[in-house]
Amino acid sequence: MDTPILHFSRDEFAQRQKAARAKMAEQGLHGLVMFRQESMYYLTGYDTMGYTMFQALYLGADGQLTLLTRTADRIQSRATSIIDDIRIWYDSAGANPALDLRAILEEHGCRGKRVGIEYHAYGLTAQRGKMVDAALDGFCTTVDASDLVRLLRLVKSPTELDYTRKAGGLCDLIYKVSVENVKPGISTKAIFGKMLEAQMAAGGDPAASRWPFGGGEAKFFGRYHTGENIVGNEDNVIFEPGAAYRLYHAATVYNVIVGKVDPRLIDMNKACGDAVAACQDNLRPGRTVGDVFAAHQNTFDKAGFGHATQAACGYTMGAMYPPTWMDWPMIYKDNPQVIEAGMVFFTHMMLFDRPAGLSMCIGETVIVTKGAPERINHIPREVIRV
């Protein structure tokens, strides 16, 4: 393929790489070895699930890029990225691709130099990390550079924000599909299927996380689980769907009440609405992520639901790969991360009062601007009932 499949201009990739090299220079790094697929996509456009096996991308202080991957990604890596130097390691009994990586670093003059390693990566398992450390022991000085590209990814470009808005629109679409299909006797998996069909038909990508959803006892679950789940005649069904466009994510969370509405749920719903508004009001440049969490907790404490809150109430979002769409920073107590315009946050207000048998949630994704944040998906503030 002469022209790779790219979703950003080459100029934008060049700007991102320049910013990464500037950070490398600040940290005195001769090179950076990346294992997170999100970093590879951000800097080069490379798009694959191949990170589940050993795969590494080298970026030198001189701008050189070299990818080490398997034969399964030989074609796709060239077809979806701006990387020219692609090396292959071969599957075999006792294969040690970390030695192939060391040979690449030798070619790039890394012997005796400081080299950043992106240790915090789902593809770099503990076993593979030990393999890398053993191969590089005595060869170079390794430095944990897990946050170098991650922090660059926090503030989104105009094109990234356009993709994120499209993901938000997809969330609104699948919200409507879910509410239209919740009725007694239907499998929540059948509803999931209709939501996913609508999202894909509208041009979206599969989300990086499996959606949490379900009624009955599952209304207290914050994670996907297997098994049948049938909507009851009187039920409370939780949905936490996320949508992606060009891998950029947005998410929502909400409850759909079937039948009579417990009056206590009305109070919980109001508290959730007040809390999400308080959080969004604090998503302003110069404030901290910890300020947002404090707004969440203070609102619920005043409403009398502090006992049912979670230890985190959201996180930033962007282009993510499985197993999760959650990115850092998480919104938790005293998190010092300073908020900037162009960041994207999913704020989820989740009340799980298991002793009382009550669950209620409201969550939306917003873009931080110079003023009030921009809501890119929309959950009603009144109780959703069918």
Protein backbone atom coordinates (compact mmCIF):
# COMPACT_ATOMS: atom_id res chain seq x y z
CA MET A 1 0.00 0.00 0.00
CA ASP A 2 1.62 3.24 -1.19
CA THR A 3 -0.57 5.52 0.94
CA PRO A 4 -1.12 4.35 4.54
CA ILE A 5 -4.50 4.63 6.25
CA LEU A 6 -4.00 7.67 8.47
CA HIS A 7 -6.52 9.64 10.51
CA PHE A 8 -4.25 12.62 11.13
CA SER A 9 -1.98 14.67 8.92
CA ARG A 10 1.73 13.91 8.73
CA ASP A 11 2.32 17.41 10.06
CA GLU A 12 0.35 16.58 13.20
CA PHE A 13 2.36 13.39 13.71
CA ALA A 14 5.55 15.40 13.24
CA GLN A 15 4.45 17.93 15.88
CA ARG A 16 3.65 15.15 18.34
CA GLN A 17 7.01 13.47 17.81
CA LYS A 18 8.79 16.79 18.21
CA ALA A 19 7.01 17.33 21.54
CA ALA A 20 7.96 13.81 22.65
CA ARG A 21 11.62 14.39 21.75
CA ALA A 22 11.58 17.67 23.69
CA LYS A 23 10.39 15.79 26.79
CA MET A 24 13.05 13.15 26.18
CA ALA A 25 15.68 15.87 26.08
CA GLU A 26 14.42 17.27 29.39
CA GLN A 27 14.87 13.82 30.94
CA GLY A 28 18.24 13.20 29.29
CA LEU A 29 17.02 10.24 27.24
CA HIS A 30 18.87 9.03 24.17
CA GLY A 31 15.85 6.96 23.16
CA LEU A 32 12.37 5.88 24.20
CA VAL A 33 10.99 2.34 23.92
CA MET A 34 7.19 2.26 23.85
CA PHE A 35 4.95 -0.72 24.57
CA ARG A 36 1.57 1.03 24.87
CA GLN A 37 -0.43 0.83 21.65
CA GLU A 38 -1.98 4.20 22.51
CA SER A 39 1.48 5.79 22.30
CA MET A 40 2.21 4.14 18.96
CA TYR A 41 -1.13 5.27 17.54
CA TYR A 42 -0.58 8.80 18.84
CA LEU A 43 2.91 9.22 17.40
CA THR A 44 2.63 7.23 14.17
CA GLY A 45 -0.97 6.15 13.47
CA TYR A 46 -0.07 2.48 13.94
CA ASP A 47 -3.31 0.63 14.68
CA THR A 48 -3.39 -3.02 15.77
CA MET A 49 -4.30 -5.49 18.49
CA GLY A 50 -0.83 -6.97 18.13
CA TYR A 51 0.28 -5.39 21.41
CA THR A 52 -1.10 -8.46 23.17
CA MET A 53 2.16 -10.10 22.07
CA PHE A 54 5.68 -8.68 22.42
CA GLN A 55 5.89 -5.49 20.39
CA ALA A 56 7.98 -2.34 20.83
CA LEU A 57 8.41 1.01 19.09
CA TYR A 58 11.69 2.89 19.42
CA LEU A 59 11.88 6.68 19.10
CA GLY A 60 15.34 8.20 19.12
CA ALA A 61 16.39 11.66 20.20
CA ASP A 62 17.39 12.09 16.56
CA GLY A 63 13.84 11.31 15.41
CA GLN A 64 14.52 7.78 14.16
CA LEU A 65 11.62 5.33 14.48
CA THR A 66 11.93 1.53 14.50
CA LEU A 67 9.11 -0.92 15.17
CA LEU A 68 9.70 -4.48 16.38
CA THR A 69 6.67 -6.70 15.81
CA ARG A 70 5.57 -10.16 14.62
CA THR A 71 4.82 -11.49 11.15
CA ALA A 72 1.07 -11.09 11.79
CA ASP A 73 1.57 -7.31 11.82
CA ARG A 74 4.13 -7.03 9.04
CA ILE A 75 1.55 -5.69 6.56
CA GLN A 76 -0.80 -3.86 8.92
CA SER A 77 1.98 -1.91 10.62
CA ARG A 78 3.05 -0.49 7.28
CA ALA A 79 -0.52 0.07 6.07
CA THR A 80 -1.68 2.06 9.11
CA SER A 81 1.39 4.07 10.11
CA ILE A 82 4.16 6.40 9.00
CA ILE A 83 6.83 3.96 10.24
CA ASP A 84 9.35 2.98 7.56
CA ASP A 85 11.75 0.82 9.60
CA ILE A 86 9.78 -2.28 10.61
CA ARG A 87 11.59 -5.31 12.04
CA ILE A 88 10.14 -8.76 12.64
CA TRP A 89 10.82 -11.23 15.40
CA TYR A 90 9.84 -14.82 14.75
CA ASP A 91 7.78 -17.16 16.89
CA SER A 92 9.73 -20.19 18.02
CA ALA A 93 10.30 -22.31 21.11
CA GLY A 94 12.34 -20.24 23.53
CA ALA A 95 12.09 -17.05 21.44
CA ASN A 96 13.41 -13.97 23.23
CA PRO A 97 12.36 -10.84 21.31
CA ALA A 98 14.01 -8.67 23.98
CA LEU A 99 17.32 -9.69 22.41
CA ASP A 100 16.02 -8.44 19.05
CA LEU A 101 15.11 -5.20 20.79
CA ARG A 102 18.61 -4.90 22.23
CA ALA A 103 20.09 -5.38 18.76
CA ILE A 104 17.91 -2.51 17.49
CA LEU A 105 19.03 -0.30 20.36
CA GLU A 106 22.64 -1.17 19.55
CA GLU A 107 22.11 0.04 15.98
CA HIS A 108 20.71 3.30 17.33
CA GLY A 109 23.72 3.94 19.54
CA CYS A 110 22.00 3.28 22.85
CA ARG A 111 24.83 1.32 24.46
CA GLY A 112 25.83 3.08 27.68
CA LYS A 113 23.07 5.69 27.26
CA ARG A 114 19.87 6.52 29.17
CA VAL A 115 16.87 4.86 27.54
CA GLY A 116 13.27 5.41 28.62
CA ILE A 117 11.05 2.34 28.89
CA GLU A 118 7.27 2.51 28.84
CA TYR A 119 6.78 -0.08 31.58
CA HIS A 120 3.14 0.76 32.29
CA ALA A 121 1.65 -1.08 29.33
CA TYR A 122 -0.86 -3.92 29.17
CA GLY A 123 1.23 -5.71 26.56
CA LEU A 124 4.39 -5.58 28.64
CA THR A 125 3.51 -8.26 31.15
CA ALA A 126 5.67 -8.80 34.23
CA GLN A 127 7.32 -11.74 32.47
CA ARG A 128 8.10 -9.69 29.37
CA GLY A 129 9.27 -6.77 31.48
CA LYS A 130 11.77 -9.04 33.23
CA MET A 131 12.86 -10.27 29.81
CA VAL A 132 13.54 -6.70 28.70
CA ASP A 133 15.38 -5.83 31.92
CA ALA A 134 17.58 -8.91 31.62
CA ALA A 135 18.42 -8.15 27.99
CA LEU A 136 19.34 -4.54 28.74
CA ASP A 137 21.17 -5.17 32.02
CA GLY A 138 24.66 -3.76 31.63
CA PHE A 139 23.88 -2.53 28.12
CA CYS A 140 22.22 0.80 28.94
CA THR A 141 20.63 2.67 31.80
CA THR A 142 16.87 2.16 31.75
CA VAL A 143 14.46 4.76 33.10
CA ASP A 144 10.73 4.35 33.69
CA ALA A 145 9.23 6.72 31.12
CA SER A 146 5.67 5.41 31.30
CA ASP A 147 4.18 8.90 31.59
CA LEU A 148 6.17 10.68 28.89
CA VAL A 149 3.74 10.18 26.01
CA ARG A 150 0.70 9.77 28.27
CA LEU A 151 1.01 13.33 29.52
CA LEU A 152 1.37 14.64 25.97
CA ARG A 153 -1.85 12.88 25.04
CA LEU A 154 -3.89 14.63 27.74
CA VAL A 155 -4.50 17.87 25.84
CA LYS A 156 -6.22 17.05 22.56
CA SER A 157 -5.73 18.68 19.17
CA PRO A 158 -8.68 20.12 17.21
CA THR A 159 -8.90 16.94 15.11
CA GLU A 160 -8.82 14.75 18.21
CA LEU A 161 -11.62 16.81 19.74
CA ASP A 162 -13.69 16.46 16.55
CA TYR A 163 -13.37 12.67 16.80
CA THR A 164 -14.26 12.84 20.49
CA ARG A 165 -17.40 14.86 19.73
CA LYS A 166 -18.44 12.22 17.22
CA ALA A 167 -18.00 9.59 19.91
CA GLY A 168 -20.21 11.69 22.18
CA GLY A 169 -22.90 11.82 19.49
CA LEU A 170 -22.73 8.03 19.21
CA CYS A 171 -23.32 7.81 22.97
CA ASP A 172 -26.50 9.85 22.60
CA LEU A 173 -27.61 7.53 19.80
CA ILE A 174 -27.12 4.32 21.76
CA TYR A 175 -28.70 5.86 24.85
CA LYS A 176 -31.92 6.28 22.86
CA VAL A 177 -31.69 2.71 21.56
CA SER A 178 -31.29 1.35 25.08
CA VAL A 179 -34.29 3.20 26.51
CA GLU A 180 -36.47 2.19 23.55
CA ASN A 181 -35.69 -1.48 24.13
CA VAL A 182 -35.87 -1.87 27.91
CA LYS A 183 -39.00 -3.86 28.72
CA PRO A 184 -39.92 -6.76 31.00
CA GLY A 185 -38.82 -10.15 29.74
CA ILE A 186 -36.09 -8.97 27.38
CA SER A 187 -32.48 -10.06 27.78
CA THR A 188 -30.13 -7.20 28.54
CA LYS A 189 -27.72 -8.85 26.11
CA ALA A 190 -30.31 -8.37 23.36
CA ILE A 191 -30.43 -4.66 24.23
CA PHE A 192 -26.62 -4.57 24.19
CA GLY A 193 -26.66 -6.10 20.71
CA LYS A 194 -29.04 -3.47 19.35
CA MET A 195 -26.97 -0.68 20.87
CA LEU A 196 -23.78 -2.07 19.37
CA GLU A 197 -25.42 -2.54 15.97
CA ALA A 198 -26.55 1.10 15.97
CA GLN A 199 -23.10 2.33 16.99
CA MET A 200 -21.26 0.36 14.32
CA ALA A 201 -23.81 1.21 11.60
CA ALA A 202 -23.25 4.90 12.40
CA GLY A 203 -19.52 4.59 11.77
CA GLY A 204 -18.25 3.99 15.28
CA ASP A 205 -15.59 1.60 16.54
CA PRO A 206 -16.02 -1.10 19.19
CA ALA A 207 -15.30 0.43 22.58
CA ALA A 208 -12.12 -0.58 24.38
CA SER A 209 -14.07 -1.78 27.45
CA ARG A 210 -16.93 -4.24 27.70
CA TRP A 211 -19.98 -2.27 28.75
CA PRO A 212 -21.27 -2.82 32.29
CA PHE A 213 -25.04 -3.29 32.25
CA GLY A 214 -27.82 -5.28 33.86
CA GLY A 215 -30.84 -5.34 36.12
CA GLY A 216 -31.60 -7.02 39.43
CA GLU A 217 -28.42 -7.63 41.41
CA ALA A 218 -26.38 -6.43 38.41
CA LYS A 219 -27.52 -2.86 39.02
CA PHE A 220 -24.70 -2.76 41.59
CA PHE A 221 -22.05 -3.98 39.16
CA GLY A 222 -19.49 -1.58 37.75
CA ARG A 223 -18.06 -4.19 35.39
CA TYR A 224 -19.31 -6.45 32.61
CA HIS A 225 -20.15 -10.00 33.67
CA THR A 226 -21.19 -13.10 31.80
CA GLY A 227 -24.51 -14.93 32.23
CA GLU A 228 -28.13 -14.26 31.35
CA ASN A 229 -29.84 -11.17 32.71
CA ILE A 230 -33.56 -10.70 32.03
CA VAL A 231 -35.36 -7.43 32.73
CA GLY A 232 -38.00 -7.91 35.42
CA ASN A 233 -41.51 -6.47 35.68
CA GLU A 234 -40.23 -4.13 38.41
CA ASP A 235 -36.55 -3.47 37.79
CA ASN A 236 -33.69 -1.02 37.81
CA VAL A 237 -31.34 -1.53 34.87
CA ILE A 238 -27.92 0.14 34.83
CA PHE A 239 -26.11 0.99 31.59
CA GLU A 240 -22.56 2.26 31.25
CA PRO A 241 -21.95 2.29 27.50
CA GLY A 242 -19.02 3.90 25.76
CA ALA A 243 -18.60 4.73 22.11
CA ALA A 244 -15.50 5.27 20.02
CA TYR A 245 -14.78 7.07 16.76
CA ARG A 246 -11.32 6.65 15.27
CA LEU A 247 -10.60 5.06 18.68
CA TYR A 248 -11.41 8.28 20.58
CA HIS A 249 -13.86 7.52 23.36
CA ALA A 250 -16.79 9.03 25.19
CA ALA A 251 -18.96 7.31 27.80
CA THR A 252 -22.16 7.69 29.78
CA VAL A 253 -23.82 5.95 32.72
CA TYR A 254 -27.49 5.92 33.72
CA ASN A 255 -30.30 3.80 35.16
CA VAL A 256 -33.58 2.90 33.50
CA ILE A 257 -36.40 2.17 35.93
CA VAL A 258 -39.01 -0.38 34.91
CA GLY A 259 -42.39 -0.06 36.62
CA LYS A 260 -42.88 1.89 39.84
CA VAL A 261 -40.26 4.38 40.96
CA ASP A 262 -39.13 4.09 44.56
CA PRO A 263 -39.36 7.65 46.00
CA ARG A 264 -35.84 7.25 47.39
CA LEU A 265 -34.55 6.89 43.82
CA ILE A 266 -35.90 10.34 43.00
CA ASP A 267 -33.74 11.81 45.77
CA MET A 268 -30.72 9.79 44.65
CA ASN A 269 -31.23 10.88 41.06
CA LYS A 270 -31.38 14.54 42.08
CA ALA A 271 -28.18 14.12 44.09
CA CYS A 272 -26.48 12.53 41.07
CA GLY A 273 -27.58 15.41 38.86
CA ASP A 274 -26.36 17.98 41.37
CA ALA A 275 -23.05 16.15 41.74
CA VAL A 276 -22.35 15.87 38.01
CA ALA A 277 -23.14 19.58 37.64
CA ALA A 278 -20.74 20.41 40.50
CA CYS A 279 -18.01 18.30 38.93
CA GLN A 280 -18.49 19.85 35.52
CA ASP A 281 -18.39 23.31 37.06
CA ASN A 282 -14.98 22.47 38.53
CA LEU A 283 -13.55 21.18 35.26
CA ARG A 284 -11.88 24.51 34.56
CA PRO A 285 -8.30 25.32 33.58
CA GLY A 286 -6.08 25.84 36.61
CA ARG A 287 -8.10 23.71 38.99
CA THR A 288 -7.03 20.21 39.94
CA VAL A 289 -8.55 16.81 39.41
CA GLY A 290 -8.73 16.55 43.20
CA ASP A 291 -10.98 19.63 43.22
CA VAL A 292 -13.41 17.78 40.97
CA PHE A 293 -13.52 14.79 43.30
CA ALA A 294 -14.11 17.06 46.29
CA ALA A 295 -17.10 18.64 44.51
CA HIS A 296 -18.50 15.15 43.92
CA GLN A 297 -18.04 13.98 47.50
CA ASN A 298 -19.25 17.20 49.13
CA THR A 299 -22.45 17.17 47.08
CA PHE A 300 -23.28 13.59 48.02
CA ASP A 301 -22.36 14.12 51.67
CA LYS A 302 -24.75 17.09 51.90
CA ALA A 303 -27.50 15.07 50.24
CA GLY A 304 -27.03 12.21 52.70
CA PHE A 305 -25.58 9.70 50.27
CA GLY A 306 -21.89 9.90 51.13
CA HIS A 307 -21.97 6.29 52.32
CA ALA A 308 -22.88 5.02 48.83
CA THR A 309 -20.21 6.77 46.75
CA GLN A 310 -17.14 5.34 45.02
CA ALA A 311 -13.47 6.13 45.64
CA ALA A 312 -13.16 7.63 42.16
CA CYS A 313 -15.73 9.50 40.09
CA GLY A 314 -14.26 9.49 36.60
CA TYR A 315 -11.16 9.77 34.48
CA THR A 316 -9.79 11.27 31.33
CA MET A 317 -10.58 9.75 27.94
CA GLY A 318 -8.91 9.58 24.55
CA ALA A 319 -7.79 7.04 21.98
CA MET A 320 -7.66 3.78 23.90
CA TYR A 321 -7.30 0.06 23.23
CA PRO A 322 -8.67 -2.95 25.12
CA PRO A 323 -8.88 -3.96 27.87
CA THR A 324 -10.13 -0.53 28.99
CA TRP A 325 -11.19 2.91 27.80
CA MET A 326 -10.14 4.38 31.19
CA ASP A 327 -7.10 6.61 30.96
CA TRP A 328 -5.19 8.53 33.61
CA PRO A 329 -5.58 10.71 35.60
CA MET A 330 -8.40 9.15 37.58
CA ILE A 331 -10.63 11.55 39.49
CA TYR A 332 -9.88 10.68 43.08
CA LYS A 333 -9.23 12.49 46.36
CA ASP A 334 -6.42 15.07 46.29
CA ASN A 335 -5.21 14.17 42.79
CA PRO A 336 -2.84 17.09 42.01
CA GLN A 337 -3.10 16.92 38.20
CA VAL A 338 -3.79 20.43 36.94
CA ILE A 339 -6.67 20.70 34.46
CA GLU A 340 -6.05 22.33 31.08
CA ALA A 341 -8.25 23.33 28.17
CA GLY A 342 -8.46 20.54 25.62
CA MET A 343 -8.60 17.72 28.15
CA VAL A 344 -11.52 15.28 28.04
CA PHE A 345 -13.13 13.80 31.15
CA PHE A 346 -15.84 11.26 31.84
CA THR A 347 -17.45 12.17 35.17
CA HIS A 348 -19.60 9.38 36.60
CA MET A 349 -21.80 9.88 39.64
CA MET A 350 -22.50 6.37 40.92
CA LEU A 351 -24.47 5.56 44.07
CA PHE A 352 -24.57 1.90 45.08
CA ASP A 353 -26.50 1.47 48.34
CA ARG A 354 -26.51 -2.32 48.55
CA PRO A 355 -28.08 -2.57 52.06
CA ALA A 356 -31.03 -0.45 50.89
CA GLY A 357 -31.20 -2.22 47.53
CA LEU A 358 -30.85 1.08 45.64
CA SER A 359 -28.68 2.09 42.68
CA MET A 360 -28.62 5.36 40.75
CA CYS A 361 -26.08 6.89 38.37
CA ILE A 362 -25.60 9.80 36.00
CA GLY A 363 -22.45 10.28 33.95
CA GLU A 364 -21.39 12.33 30.93
CA THR A 365 -18.24 13.15 28.99
CA VAL A 366 -17.08 16.75 28.65
CA ILE A 367 -14.35 18.70 26.91
CA VAL A 368 -12.52 21.24 29.08
CA THR A 369 -12.58 24.70 27.48
CA LYS A 370 -11.38 28.12 28.61
CA GLY A 371 -14.79 28.61 30.19
CA ALA A 372 -17.63 26.20 30.96
CA PRO A 373 -16.94 22.64 29.83
CA GLU A 374 -18.56 21.36 26.64
CA ARG A 375 -20.92 18.44 27.19
CA ILE A 376 -20.58 16.04 24.28
CA ASN A 377 -23.23 13.57 25.41
CA HIS A 378 -26.38 14.12 27.38
CA ILE A 379 -28.17 12.15 30.09
CA PRO A 380 -31.55 13.43 31.39
CA ARG A 381 -31.59 14.86 34.89
CA GLU A 382 -35.01 13.38 35.64
CA VAL A 383 -35.51 9.71 36.50
CA ILE A 384 -35.56 7.62 33.30
CA ARG A 385 -38.61 5.38 33.50
CA VAL A 386 -40.27 3.00 31.05
